[in-house]
C-alpha cells in the first residue's frame, strides 16, 4: 500500500483498514508458528503497512 493512496482515505476508513491488517498479522504469525506460512515476506509487508497507517492517523490528529 502506498502512502499516497492512504492519504485519500478518511480517518474512519484507516481505522477499519488498521483492524483488518491487525487480524491479518495475527493470522500470519499463527501460520509462521505452525510452519504453514508460504510467503514469509508477507509478515514484513503487513507490519510496514500497519506502521504507515498509524503514522497517517497521527498526522491527521496533529492537524
PDB file of N, CA and C in Angstrom:
ATOM      1  N   UNK A   1       0.821  -1.172   0.000  1.00  0.00           N
ATOM      2  CA  UNK A   1       0.000   0.000   0.000  1.00  0.00           C
ATOM      3  C   UNK A   1       0.876   1.252   0.000  1.00  0.00           C
ATOM      4  N   UNK A   2       0.515   2.198  -0.805  1.00  0.00           N
ATOM      5  CA  UNK A   2       1.276   3.438  -0.899  1.00  0.00           C
ATOM      6  C   UNK A   2       0.665   4.480   0.025  1.00  0.00           C
ATOM      7  N   UNK A   3       1.514   5.305   0.613  1.00  0.00           N
ATOM      8  CA  UNK A   3       1.045   6.364   1.496  1.00  0.00           C
ATOM      9  C   UNK A   3       0.182   7.357   0.720  1.00  0.00           C
ATOM     10  N   UNK A   4       0.502   7.561  -0.543  1.00  0.00           N
ATOM     11  CA  UNK A   4      -0.265   8.486  -1.374  1.00  0.00           C
ATOM     12  C   UNK A   4      -1.722   8.033  -1.489  1.00  0.00           C
ATOM     13  N   UNK A   5      -1.931   6.742  -1.638  1.00  0.00           N
ATOM     14  CA  UNK A   5      -3.289   6.203  -1.727  1.00  0.00           C
ATOM     15  C   UNK A   5      -4.000   6.276  -0.381  1.00  0.00           C
ATOM     16  N   UNK A   6      -3.257   6.048   0.682  1.00  0.00           N
ATOM     17  CA  UNK A   6      -3.858   6.057   2.015  1.00  0.00           C
ATOM     18  C   UNK A   6      -4.259   7.463   2.452  1.00  0.00           C
ATOM     19  N   UNK A   7      -3.556   8.472   1.988  1.00  0.00           N
ATOM     20  CA  UNK A   7      -3.878   9.853   2.363  1.00  0.00           C
ATOM     21  C   UNK A   7      -5.251  10.281   1.849  1.00  0.00           C
ATOM     22  N   UNK A   8      -5.757   9.626   0.827  1.00  0.00           N
ATOM     23  CA  UNK A   8      -7.062   9.951   0.264  1.00  0.00           C
ATOM     24  C   UNK A   8      -8.201   9.407   1.124  1.00  0.00           C
ATOM     25  N   UNK A   9      -7.904   8.494   2.019  1.00  0.00           N
ATOM     26  CA  UNK A   9      -8.937   7.859   2.839  1.00  0.00           C
ATOM     27  C   UNK A   9      -9.239   8.700   4.074  1.00  0.00           C
ATOM     28  N   UNK A  10     -10.432   8.482   4.620  1.00  0.00           N
ATOM     29  CA  UNK A  10     -10.810   9.188   5.844  1.00  0.00           C
ATOM     30  C   UNK A  10     -10.218   8.469   7.049  1.00  0.00           C
ATOM     31  N   UNK A  11     -10.308   9.130   8.184  1.00  0.00           N
ATOM     32  CA  UNK A  11      -9.776   8.556   9.415  1.00  0.00           C
ATOM     33  C   UNK A  11     -10.501   7.247   9.784  1.00  0.00           C
ATOM     34  N   UNK A  12     -11.805   7.215   9.541  1.00  0.00           N
ATOM     35  CA  UNK A  12     -12.591   6.016   9.847  1.00  0.00           C
ATOM     36  C   UNK A  12     -12.193   4.852   8.939  1.00  0.00           C
ATOM     37  N   UNK A  13     -11.963   5.156   7.663  1.00  0.00           N
ATOM     38  CA  UNK A  13     -11.531   4.117   6.725  1.00  0.00           C
ATOM     39  C   UNK A  13     -10.173   3.543   7.139  1.00  0.00           C
ATOM     40  N   UNK A  14      -9.283   4.426   7.578  1.00  0.00           N
ATOM     41  CA  UNK A  14      -7.964   3.973   8.015  1.00  0.00           C
ATOM     42  C   UNK A  14      -8.061   3.103   9.260  1.00  0.00           C
ATOM     43  N   UNK A  15      -8.985   3.451  10.161  1.00  0.00           N
ATOM     44  CA  UNK A  15      -9.160   2.656  11.379  1.00  0.00           C
ATOM     45  C   UNK A  15      -9.662   1.246  11.038  1.00  0.00           C
ATOM     46  N   UNK A  16     -10.579   1.159  10.097  1.00  0.00           N
ATOM     47  CA  UNK A  16     -11.095  -0.146   9.665  1.00  0.00           C
ATOM     48  C   UNK A  16      -9.978  -0.956   9.009  1.00  0.00           C
ATOM     49  N   UNK A  17      -9.219  -0.304   8.159  1.00  0.00           N
ATOM     50  CA  UNK A  17      -8.109  -0.968   7.481  1.00  0.00           C
ATOM     51  C   UNK A  17      -7.059  -1.439   8.486  1.00  0.00           C
ATOM     52  N   UNK A  18      -6.828  -0.627   9.511  1.00  0.00           N
ATOM     53  CA  UNK A  18      -5.873  -0.997  10.549  1.00  0.00           C
ATOM     54  C   UNK A  18      -6.330  -2.254  11.289  1.00  0.00           C
ATOM     55  N   UNK A  19      -7.611  -2.341  11.573  1.00  0.00           N
ATOM     56  CA  UNK A  19      -8.157  -3.536  12.226  1.00  0.00           C
ATOM     57  C   UNK A  19      -7.998  -4.774  11.363  1.00  0.00           C
ATOM     58  N   UNK A  20      -8.262  -4.628  10.077  1.00  0.00           N
ATOM     59  CA  UNK A  20      -8.115  -5.755   9.154  1.00  0.00           C
ATOM     60  C   UNK A  20      -6.658  -6.222   9.085  1.00  0.00           C
ATOM     61  N   UNK A  21      -5.744  -5.265   9.034  1.00  0.00           N
ATOM     62  CA  UNK A  21      -4.321  -5.624   8.962  1.00  0.00           C
ATOM     63  C   UNK A  21      -3.841  -6.263  10.263  1.00  0.00           C
ATOM     64  N   UNK A  22      -4.382  -5.832  11.376  1.00  0.00           N
ATOM     65  CA  UNK A  22      -4.007  -6.442  12.656  1.00  0.00           C
ATOM     66  C   UNK A  22      -4.442  -7.912  12.691  1.00  0.00           C
ATOM     67  N   UNK A  23      -5.644  -8.189  12.187  1.00  0.00           N
ATOM     68  CA  UNK A  23      -6.112  -9.577  12.115  1.00  0.00           C
ATOM     69  C   UNK A  23      -5.240 -10.400  11.178  1.00  0.00           C
ATOM     70  N   UNK A  24      -4.882  -9.785  10.047  1.00  0.00           N
ATOM     71  CA  UNK A  24      -4.034 -10.492   9.087  1.00  0.00           C
ATOM     72  C   UNK A  24      -2.658 -10.785   9.681  1.00  0.00           C
ATOM     73  N   UNK A  25      -2.116  -9.815  10.419  1.00  0.00           N
ATOM     74  CA  UNK A  25      -0.814 -10.021  11.065  1.00  0.00           C
ATOM     75  C   UNK A  25      -0.887 -11.168  12.074  1.00  0.00           C
ATOM     76  N   UNK A  26      -1.981 -11.217  12.837  1.00  0.00           N
ATOM     77  CA  UNK A  26      -2.158 -12.306  13.796  1.00  0.00           C
ATOM     78  C   UNK A  26      -2.206 -13.648  13.078  1.00  0.00           C
ATOM     79  N   UNK A  27      -2.978 -13.719  11.996  1.00  0.00           N
ATOM     80  CA  UNK A  27      -3.077 -14.973  11.243  1.00  0.00           C
ATOM     81  C   UNK A  27      -1.735 -15.388  10.665  1.00  0.00           C
ATOM     82  N   UNK A  28      -0.972 -14.418  10.161  1.00  0.00           N
ATOM     83  CA  UNK A  28       0.344 -14.738   9.608  1.00  0.00           C
ATOM     84  C   UNK A  28       1.287 -15.243  10.696  1.00  0.00           C
ATOM     85  N   UNK A  29       1.214 -14.646  11.879  1.00  0.00           N
ATOM     86  CA  UNK A  29       2.073 -15.102  12.978  1.00  0.00           C
ATOM     87  C   UNK A  29       1.712 -16.520  13.402  1.00  0.00           C
ATOM     88  N   UNK A  30       0.420 -16.848  13.383  1.00  0.00           N
ATOM     89  CA  UNK A  30      -0.005 -18.201  13.731  1.00  0.00           C
ATOM     90  C   UNK A  30       0.471 -19.193  12.673  1.00  0.00           C
ATOM     91  N   UNK A  31       0.383 -18.805  11.405  1.00  0.00           N
ATOM     92  CA  UNK A  31       0.861 -19.675  10.333  1.00  0.00           C
ATOM     93  C   UNK A  31       2.364 -19.889  10.441  1.00  0.00           C
ATOM     94  N   UNK A  32       3.074 -18.831  10.792  1.00  0.00           N
ATOM     95  CA  UNK A  32       4.524 -18.950  10.945  1.00  0.00           C
ATOM     96  C   UNK A  32       4.865 -19.893  12.088  1.00  0.00           C
ATOM     97  N   UNK A  33       4.114 -19.805  13.165  1.00  0.00           N
ATOM     98  CA  UNK A  33       4.360 -20.662  14.323  1.00  0.00           C
ATOM     99  C   UNK A  33       4.097 -22.126  14.048  1.00  0.00           C
ATOM    100  N   UNK A  34       3.123 -22.400  13.190  1.00  0.00           N
ATOM    101  CA  UNK A  34       2.801 -23.792  12.878  1.00  0.00           C
ATOM    102  C   UNK A  34       3.546 -24.308  11.653  1.00  0.00           C
ATOM    103  N   UNK A  35       4.329 -23.430  11.017  1.00  0.00           N
ATOM    104  CA  UNK A  35       5.104 -23.858   9.860  1.00  0.00           C
ATOM    105  C   UNK A  35       4.325 -23.897   8.565  1.00  0.00           C
ATOM    106  N   UNK A  36       3.183 -23.241   8.502  1.00  0.00           N
ATOM    107  CA  UNK A  36       2.346 -23.270   7.305  1.00  0.00           C
ATOM    108  C   UNK A  36       2.475 -22.009   6.461  1.00  0.00           C
ATOM    109  N   UNK A  37       3.351 -21.097   6.848  1.00  0.00           N
ATOM    110  CA  UNK A  37       3.480 -19.822   6.141  1.00  0.00           C
ATOM    111  C   UNK A  37       4.212 -20.035   4.820  1.00  0.00           C
ATOM    112  N   UNK A  38       3.526 -19.728   3.712  1.00  0.00           N
ATOM    113  CA  UNK A  38       4.130 -19.949   2.395  1.00  0.00           C
ATOM    114  C   UNK A  38       4.911 -18.730   1.906  1.00  0.00           C
ATOM    115  N   UNK A  39       4.537 -17.525   2.356  1.00  0.00           N
ATOM    116  CA  UNK A  39       5.226 -16.307   1.932  1.00  0.00           C
ATOM    117  C   UNK A  39       5.738 -15.562   3.167  1.00  0.00           C
ATOM    118  N   UNK A  40       6.943 -15.846   3.605  1.00  0.00           N
ATOM    119  CA  UNK A  40       7.452 -15.207   4.820  1.00  0.00           C
ATOM    120  C   UNK A  40       7.606 -13.693   4.695  1.00  0.00           C
ATOM    121  N   UNK A  41       7.762 -13.176   3.491  1.00  0.00           N
ATOM    122  CA  UNK A  41       7.906 -11.734   3.319  1.00  0.00           C
ATOM    123  C   UNK A  41       6.600 -10.983   3.571  1.00  0.00           C
ATOM    124  N   UNK A  42       5.494 -11.701   3.583  1.00  0.00           N
ATOM    125  CA  UNK A  42       4.190 -11.075   3.797  1.00  0.00           C
ATOM    126  C   UNK A  42       4.088 -10.467   5.195  1.00  0.00           C
ATOM    127  N   UNK A  43       4.730 -11.069   6.182  1.00  0.00           N
ATOM    128  CA  UNK A  43       4.695 -10.560   7.555  1.00  0.00           C
ATOM    129  C   UNK A  43       5.309  -9.161   7.590  1.00  0.00           C
ATOM    130  N   UNK A  44       6.410  -8.996   6.915  1.00  0.00           N
ATOM    131  CA  UNK A  44       7.105  -7.706   6.886  1.00  0.00           C
ATOM    132  C   UNK A  44       6.254  -6.646   6.194  1.00  0.00           C
ATOM    133  N   UNK A  45       5.600  -7.012   5.100  1.00  0.00           N
ATOM    134  CA  UNK A  45       4.763  -6.061   4.366  1.00  0.00           C
ATOM    135  C   UNK A  45       3.580  -5.591   5.206  1.00  0.00           C
ATOM    136  N   UNK A  46       2.950  -6.518   5.903  1.00  0.00           N
ATOM    137  CA  UNK A  46       1.803  -6.171   6.741  1.00  0.00           C
ATOM    138  C   UNK A  46       2.243  -5.285   7.895  1.00  0.00           C
ATOM    139  N   UNK A  47       3.378  -5.605   8.493  1.00  0.00           N
ATOM    140  CA  UNK A  47       3.902  -4.796   9.594  1.00  0.00           C
ATOM    141  C   UNK A  47       4.165  -3.359   9.152  1.00  0.00           C
ATOM    142  N   UNK A  48       4.732  -3.212   7.985  1.00  0.00           N
ATOM    143  CA  UNK A  48       5.031  -1.870   7.469  1.00  0.00           C
ATOM    144  C   UNK A  48       3.771  -1.112   7.088  1.00  0.00           C
ATOM    145  N   UNK A  49       2.772  -1.823   6.560  1.00  0.00           N
ATOM    146  CA  UNK A  49       1.505  -1.168   6.253  1.00  0.00           C
ATOM    147  C   UNK A  49       0.828  -0.656   7.524  1.00  0.00           C
ATOM    148  N   UNK A  50       0.904  -1.442   8.591  1.00  0.00           N
ATOM    149  CA  UNK A  50       0.332  -1.018   9.872  1.00  0.00           C
ATOM    150  C   UNK A  50       1.043   0.232  10.368  1.00  0.00           C
ATOM    151  N   UNK A  51       2.351   0.257  10.281  1.00  0.00           N
ATOM    152  CA  UNK A  51       3.121   1.424  10.714  1.00  0.00           C
ATOM    153  C   UNK A  51       2.779   2.639   9.855  1.00  0.00           C
ATOM    154  N   UNK A  52       2.612   2.429   8.566  1.00  0.00           N
ATOM    155  CA  UNK A  52       2.275   3.516   7.651  1.00  0.00           C
ATOM    156  C   UNK A  52       0.918   4.130   8.004  1.00  0.00           C
ATOM    157  N   UNK A  53      -0.057   3.276   8.299  1.00  0.00           N
ATOM    158  CA  UNK A  53      -1.392   3.758   8.649  1.00  0.00           C
ATOM    159  C   UNK A  53      -1.359   4.488   9.988  1.00  0.00           C
ATOM    160  N   UNK A  54      -0.632   3.936  10.962  1.00  0.00           N
ATOM    161  CA  UNK A  54      -0.528   4.615  12.258  1.00  0.00           C
ATOM    162  C   UNK A  54       0.112   5.988  12.107  1.00  0.00           C
ATOM    163  N   UNK A  55       1.090   6.112  11.254  1.00  0.00           N
ATOM    164  CA  UNK A  55       1.739   7.397  11.008  1.00  0.00           C
ATOM    165  C   UNK A  55       0.743   8.392  10.421  1.00  0.00           C
ATOM    166  N   UNK A  56      -0.047   7.961   9.460  1.00  0.00           N
ATOM    167  CA  UNK A  56      -1.023   8.853   8.851  1.00  0.00           C
ATOM    168  C   UNK A  56      -2.110   9.266   9.830  1.00  0.00           C
ATOM    169  N   UNK A  57      -2.544   8.350  10.679  1.00  0.00           N
ATOM    170  CA  UNK A  57      -3.551   8.683  11.693  1.00  0.00           C
ATOM    171  C   UNK A  57      -2.993   9.731  12.653  1.00  0.00           C
ATOM    172  N   UNK A  58      -1.739   9.576  13.042  1.00  0.00           N
ATOM    173  CA  UNK A  58      -1.116  10.565  13.920  1.00  0.00           C
ATOM    174  C   UNK A  58      -0.961  11.916  13.236  1.00  0.00           C
ATOM    175  N   UNK A  59      -0.643  11.907  11.952  1.00  0.00           N
ATOM    176  CA  UNK A  59      -0.538  13.168  11.210  1.00  0.00           C
ATOM    177  C   UNK A  59      -1.887  13.868  11.155  1.00  0.00           C
ATOM    178  N   UNK A  60      -2.946  13.104  10.941  1.00  0.00           N
ATOM    179  CA  UNK A  60      -4.281  13.688  10.884  1.00  0.00           C
ATOM    180  C   UNK A  60      -4.686  14.260  12.243  1.00  0.00           C
ATOM    181  N   UNK A  61      -4.268  13.616  13.307  1.00  0.00           N
ATOM    182  CA  UNK A  61      -4.627  14.075  14.653  1.00  0.00           C
ATOM    183  C   UNK A  61      -3.923  15.393  14.980  1.00  0.00           C
ATOM    184  N   UNK A  62      -2.745  15.602  14.440  1.00  0.00           N
ATOM    185  CA  UNK A  62      -1.996  16.818  14.722  1.00  0.00           C
ATOM    186  C   UNK A  62      -2.551  18.033  13.991  1.00  0.00           C
ATOM    187  N   UNK A  63      -3.241  17.815  12.888  1.00  0.00           N
ATOM    188  CA  UNK A  63      -3.729  18.955  12.115  1.00  0.00           C
ATOM    189  C   UNK A  63      -5.162  19.271  12.439  1.00  0.00           C
TER     190      UNK A  63
END
